[in-house]
Amino acid sequence: MRTFFSINSIQGYFFIRLMLGFVFLVAGFQKFIFPTDMGPGRFLDMGFPLPVFAAYLVGFFETIGGLFILLGLASRFAAIPLAIIMVVAIITTKTPLLYDGFWVFAHAIRLDLSMLLASFFVIINGSGKYSLDEKLYRNNSF
């Protein structure tokens, strides 16, 4: 448990958490407030089985995970499902674009790849200095 709640002192790390948490929080909320364009309708168009369930499950994890990362609360745990979501998104929505050429694919994958790599960064580094984890666990030993 100590590893999952350990705090790092990387300068500027807060900004990575802010970016990652914000993007996932917004993406998650959009699945609920724009169901046709971002939620079940989009998942149906992509051919997902059980599109309503899949869209709202992804939306739930994006919203809660984004919020936890923004707050710096159990960020490592929160980033794991987000990384999985990004891998699935890349495979299902971006990989088919390779048929249109590498540069079309490279352009389309920019945000997804950034979010995946930022999720890995959070999984490796935890919540950081300015976080609820730091406030809650700095003097606790597990």
C-alpha atoms as a PDB file:
ATOM      1  CA  MET A   1       0.000   0.000   0.000  1.00  0.00           C
ATOM      2  CA  ARG A   2       2.856   2.368   0.716  1.00  0.00           C
ATOM      3  CA  THR A   3       3.831   2.417  -2.964  1.00  0.00           C
ATOM      4  CA  PHE A   4       0.331   3.337  -4.120  1.00  0.00           C
ATOM      5  CA  PHE A   5       0.130   6.364  -1.832  1.00  0.00           C
ATOM      6  CA  SER A   6       3.777   7.457  -1.902  1.00  0.00           C
ATOM      7  CA  ILE A   7       4.353  11.099  -2.754  1.00  0.00           C
ATOM      8  CA  ASN A   8       6.905  12.426  -5.219  1.00  0.00           C
ATOM      9  CA  SER A   9       8.397  15.889  -5.422  1.00  0.00           C
ATOM     10  CA  ILE A  10       8.686  16.302  -9.191  1.00  0.00           C
ATOM     11  CA  GLN A  11       8.586  20.024  -9.977  1.00  0.00           C
ATOM     12  CA  GLY A  12       5.589  20.947 -12.097  1.00  0.00           C
ATOM     13  CA  TYR A  13       3.917  17.560 -11.656  1.00  0.00           C
ATOM     14  CA  PHE A  14       0.718  19.259 -10.544  1.00  0.00           C
ATOM     15  CA  PHE A  15       0.271  20.594 -14.097  1.00  0.00           C
ATOM     16  CA  ILE A  16       0.370  17.088 -15.580  1.00  0.00           C
ATOM     17  CA  ARG A  17      -2.270  15.964 -13.083  1.00  0.00           C
ATOM     18  CA  LEU A  18      -4.328  19.070 -13.842  1.00  0.00           C
ATOM     19  CA  MET A  19      -4.243  18.405 -17.598  1.00  0.00           C
ATOM     20  CA  LEU A  20      -4.962  14.690 -17.322  1.00  0.00           C
ATOM     21  CA  GLY A  21      -7.723  15.045 -14.748  1.00  0.00           C
ATOM     22  CA  PHE A  22      -9.424  17.889 -16.601  1.00  0.00           C
ATOM     23  CA  VAL A  23      -9.456  16.145 -19.986  1.00  0.00           C
ATOM     24  CA  PHE A  24     -10.864  12.909 -18.551  1.00  0.00           C
ATOM     25  CA  LEU A  25     -13.403  14.713 -16.359  1.00  0.00           C
ATOM     26  CA  VAL A  26     -14.721  16.675 -19.360  1.00  0.00           C
ATOM     27  CA  ALA A  27     -14.754  13.592 -21.614  1.00  0.00           C
ATOM     28  CA  GLY A  28     -16.611  11.591 -18.982  1.00  0.00           C
ATOM     29  CA  PHE A  29     -19.266  14.256 -18.364  1.00  0.00           C
ATOM     30  CA  GLN A  30     -19.851  14.630 -22.098  1.00  0.00           C
ATOM     31  CA  LYS A  31     -20.880  10.991 -22.377  1.00  0.00           C
ATOM     32  CA  PHE A  32     -23.781  11.776 -20.044  1.00  0.00           C
ATOM     33  CA  ILE A  33     -24.807  15.241 -21.232  1.00  0.00           C
ATOM     34  CA  PHE A  34     -24.384  14.608 -24.983  1.00  0.00           C
ATOM     35  CA  PRO A  35     -25.546  10.981 -25.296  1.00  0.00           C
ATOM     36  CA  THR A  36     -26.072  11.050 -29.060  1.00  0.00           C
ATOM     37  CA  ASP A  37     -22.728  12.580 -30.019  1.00  0.00           C
ATOM     38  CA  MET A  38     -20.410  11.431 -27.223  1.00  0.00           C
ATOM     39  CA  GLY A  39     -22.196   8.653 -25.341  1.00  0.00           C
ATOM     40  CA  PRO A  40     -24.295   5.651 -26.360  1.00  0.00           C
ATOM     41  CA  GLY A  41     -24.996   7.055 -29.833  1.00  0.00           C
ATOM     42  CA  ARG A  42     -21.308   7.285 -30.613  1.00  0.00           C
ATOM     43  CA  PHE A  43     -20.610   3.845 -29.163  1.00  0.00           C
ATOM     44  CA  LEU A  44     -23.452   2.435 -31.286  1.00  0.00           C
ATOM     45  CA  ASP A  45     -21.969   4.061 -34.405  1.00  0.00           C
ATOM     46  CA  MET A  46     -18.580   2.484 -33.590  1.00  0.00           C
ATOM     47  CA  GLY A  47     -20.210  -0.954 -33.358  1.00  0.00           C
ATOM     48  CA  PHE A  48     -19.694  -1.596 -29.649  1.00  0.00           C
ATOM     49  CA  PRO A  49     -21.827  -4.363 -28.163  1.00  0.00           C
ATOM     50  CA  LEU A  50     -24.112  -3.002 -25.442  1.00  0.00           C
ATOM     51  CA  PRO A  51     -23.387   0.613 -26.423  1.00  0.00           C
ATOM     52  CA  VAL A  52     -25.448   2.192 -23.627  1.00  0.00           C
ATOM     53  CA  PHE A  53     -23.717   0.141 -20.937  1.00  0.00           C
ATOM     54  CA  ALA A  54     -20.272   0.620 -22.505  1.00  0.00           C
ATOM     55  CA  ALA A  55     -20.657   4.391 -22.923  1.00  0.00           C
ATOM     56  CA  TYR A  56     -21.876   4.983 -19.397  1.00  0.00           C
ATOM     57  CA  LEU A  57     -19.287   2.634 -17.884  1.00  0.00           C
ATOM     58  CA  VAL A  58     -16.507   4.482 -19.713  1.00  0.00           C
ATOM     59  CA  GLY A  59     -18.101   7.822 -18.801  1.00  0.00           C
ATOM     60  CA  PHE A  60     -18.250   6.818 -15.134  1.00  0.00           C
ATOM     61  CA  PHE A  61     -14.579   5.818 -14.999  1.00  0.00           C
ATOM     62  CA  GLU A  62     -13.491   8.907 -16.939  1.00  0.00           C
ATOM     63  CA  THR A  63     -15.479  11.233 -14.684  1.00  0.00           C
ATOM     64  CA  ILE A  64     -14.502   9.659 -11.368  1.00  0.00           C
ATOM     65  CA  GLY A  65     -10.923   8.951 -12.462  1.00  0.00           C
ATOM     66  CA  GLY A  66     -10.493  12.492 -13.768  1.00  0.00           C
ATOM     67  CA  LEU A  67     -11.842  13.938 -10.523  1.00  0.00           C
ATOM     68  CA  PHE A  68      -9.589  11.733  -8.365  1.00  0.00           C
ATOM     69  CA  ILE A  69      -6.543  12.682 -10.426  1.00  0.00           C
ATOM     70  CA  LEU A  70      -7.436  16.378 -10.209  1.00  0.00           C
ATOM     71  CA  LEU A  71      -7.697  16.082  -6.434  1.00  0.00           C
ATOM     72  CA  GLY A  72      -4.644  13.869  -6.157  1.00  0.00           C
ATOM     73  CA  LEU A  73      -6.609  11.168  -4.367  1.00  0.00           C
ATOM     74  CA  ALA A  74      -5.519   7.592  -5.096  1.00  0.00           C
ATOM     75  CA  SER A  75      -4.248   8.805  -8.460  1.00  0.00           C
ATOM     76  CA  ARG A  76      -2.400   5.586  -9.256  1.00  0.00           C
ATOM     77  CA  PHE A  77      -5.587   3.553  -8.824  1.00  0.00           C
ATOM     78  CA  ALA A  78      -7.618   6.089 -10.816  1.00  0.00           C
ATOM     79  CA  ALA A  79      -5.157   6.145 -13.728  1.00  0.00           C
ATOM     80  CA  ILE A  80      -5.236   2.369 -14.322  1.00  0.00           C
ATOM     81  CA  PRO A  81      -8.757   2.170 -15.835  1.00  0.00           C
ATOM     82  CA  LEU A  82      -8.077   5.410 -17.722  1.00  0.00           C
ATOM     83  CA  ALA A  83      -5.014   3.864 -19.361  1.00  0.00           C
ATOM     84  CA  ILE A  84      -7.099   0.815 -20.302  1.00  0.00           C
ATOM     85  CA  ILE A  85      -9.781   3.096 -21.790  1.00  0.00           C
ATOM     86  CA  MET A  86      -7.143   4.853 -23.890  1.00  0.00           C
ATOM     87  CA  VAL A  87      -5.678   1.570 -25.187  1.00  0.00           C
ATOM     88  CA  VAL A  88      -9.161   0.410 -26.225  1.00  0.00           C
ATOM     89  CA  ALA A  89      -9.897   3.808 -27.801  1.00  0.00           C
ATOM     90  CA  ILE A  90      -6.686   3.679 -29.818  1.00  0.00           C
ATOM     91  CA  ILE A  91      -7.325   0.135 -31.012  1.00  0.00           C
ATOM     92  CA  THR A  92     -10.993   0.645 -31.892  1.00  0.00           C
ATOM     93  CA  THR A  93     -11.068   4.195 -33.240  1.00  0.00           C
ATOM     94  CA  LYS A  94      -7.553   5.082 -34.387  1.00  0.00           C
ATOM     95  CA  THR A  95      -5.905   1.919 -35.690  1.00  0.00           C
ATOM     96  CA  PRO A  96      -8.390   1.639 -38.631  1.00  0.00           C
ATOM     97  CA  LEU A  97      -7.129   5.044 -39.798  1.00  0.00           C
ATOM     98  CA  LEU A  98      -3.831   3.433 -40.764  1.00  0.00           C
ATOM     99  CA  TYR A  99      -5.587   2.394 -43.989  1.00  0.00           C
ATOM    100  CA  ASP A 100      -5.739   6.101 -44.852  1.00  0.00           C
ATOM    101  CA  GLY A 101      -2.004   6.505 -44.284  1.00  0.00           C
ATOM    102  CA  PHE A 102       0.405   6.970 -41.416  1.00  0.00           C
ATOM    103  CA  TRP A 103       0.054  10.758 -41.196  1.00  0.00           C
ATOM    104  CA  VAL A 104      -3.739  10.596 -40.960  1.00  0.00           C
ATOM    105  CA  PHE A 105      -3.317   8.055 -38.162  1.00  0.00           C
ATOM    106  CA  ALA A 106      -0.559  10.109 -36.470  1.00  0.00           C
ATOM    107  CA  HIS A 107      -2.715  13.219 -36.506  1.00  0.00           C
ATOM    108  CA  ALA A 108      -5.747  11.402 -35.087  1.00  0.00           C
ATOM    109  CA  ILE A 109      -3.854   9.597 -32.318  1.00  0.00           C
ATOM    110  CA  ARG A 110      -2.203  12.704 -30.793  1.00  0.00           C
ATOM    111  CA  LEU A 111      -4.621  13.303 -27.908  1.00  0.00           C
ATOM    112  CA  ASP A 112      -5.218   9.606 -27.214  1.00  0.00           C
ATOM    113  CA  LEU A 113      -1.505   8.862 -27.064  1.00  0.00           C
ATOM    114  CA  SER A 114      -0.857  11.904 -24.866  1.00  0.00           C
ATOM    115  CA  MET A 115      -3.572  10.793 -22.441  1.00  0.00           C
ATOM    116  CA  LEU A 116      -2.263   7.220 -22.408  1.00  0.00           C
ATOM    117  CA  LEU A 117       1.301   8.303 -21.686  1.00  0.00           C
ATOM    118  CA  ALA A 118       0.182  10.816 -19.054  1.00  0.00           C
ATOM    119  CA  SER A 119      -1.841   8.019 -17.409  1.00  0.00           C
ATOM    120  CA  PHE A 120       1.297   5.864 -17.319  1.00  0.00           C
ATOM    121  CA  PHE A 121       3.186   8.790 -15.775  1.00  0.00           C
ATOM    122  CA  VAL A 122       0.575   9.068 -12.999  1.00  0.00           C
ATOM    123  CA  ILE A 123       0.580   5.297 -12.441  1.00  0.00           C
ATOM    124  CA  ILE A 124       4.360   5.430 -11.991  1.00  0.00           C
ATOM    125  CA  ASN A 125       4.563   8.639  -9.932  1.00  0.00           C
ATOM    126  CA  GLY A 126       1.401   8.759  -7.823  1.00  0.00           C
ATOM    127  CA  SER A 127      -0.392  11.912  -6.777  1.00  0.00           C
ATOM    128  CA  GLY A 128       2.469  14.299  -6.165  1.00  0.00           C
ATOM    129  CA  LYS A 129       3.285  16.995  -3.692  1.00  0.00           C
ATOM    130  CA  TYR A 130       0.123  19.114  -4.006  1.00  0.00           C
ATOM    131  CA  SER A 131      -2.520  16.452  -3.498  1.00  0.00           C
ATOM    132  CA  LEU A 132      -5.023  15.033  -1.058  1.00  0.00           C
ATOM    133  CA  ASP A 133      -2.831  11.943  -0.797  1.00  0.00           C
ATOM    134  CA  GLU A 134      -0.018  14.145   0.478  1.00  0.00           C
ATOM    135  CA  LYS A 135      -2.324  15.723   3.060  1.00  0.00           C
ATOM    136  CA  LEU A 136      -3.859  12.419   4.138  1.00  0.00           C
ATOM    137  CA  TYR A 137      -0.904  10.049   4.038  1.00  0.00           C
ATOM    138  CA  ARG A 138       2.334  12.026   4.456  1.00  0.00           C
ATOM    139  CA  ASN A 139       2.789  10.967   8.081  1.00  0.00           C
ATOM    140  CA  ASN A 140       1.151   7.555   7.844  1.00  0.00           C
ATOM    141  CA  SER A 141       3.051   4.358   7.307  1.00  0.00           C
ATOM    142  CA  PHE A 142       1.210   1.417   5.795  1.00  0.00           C
END
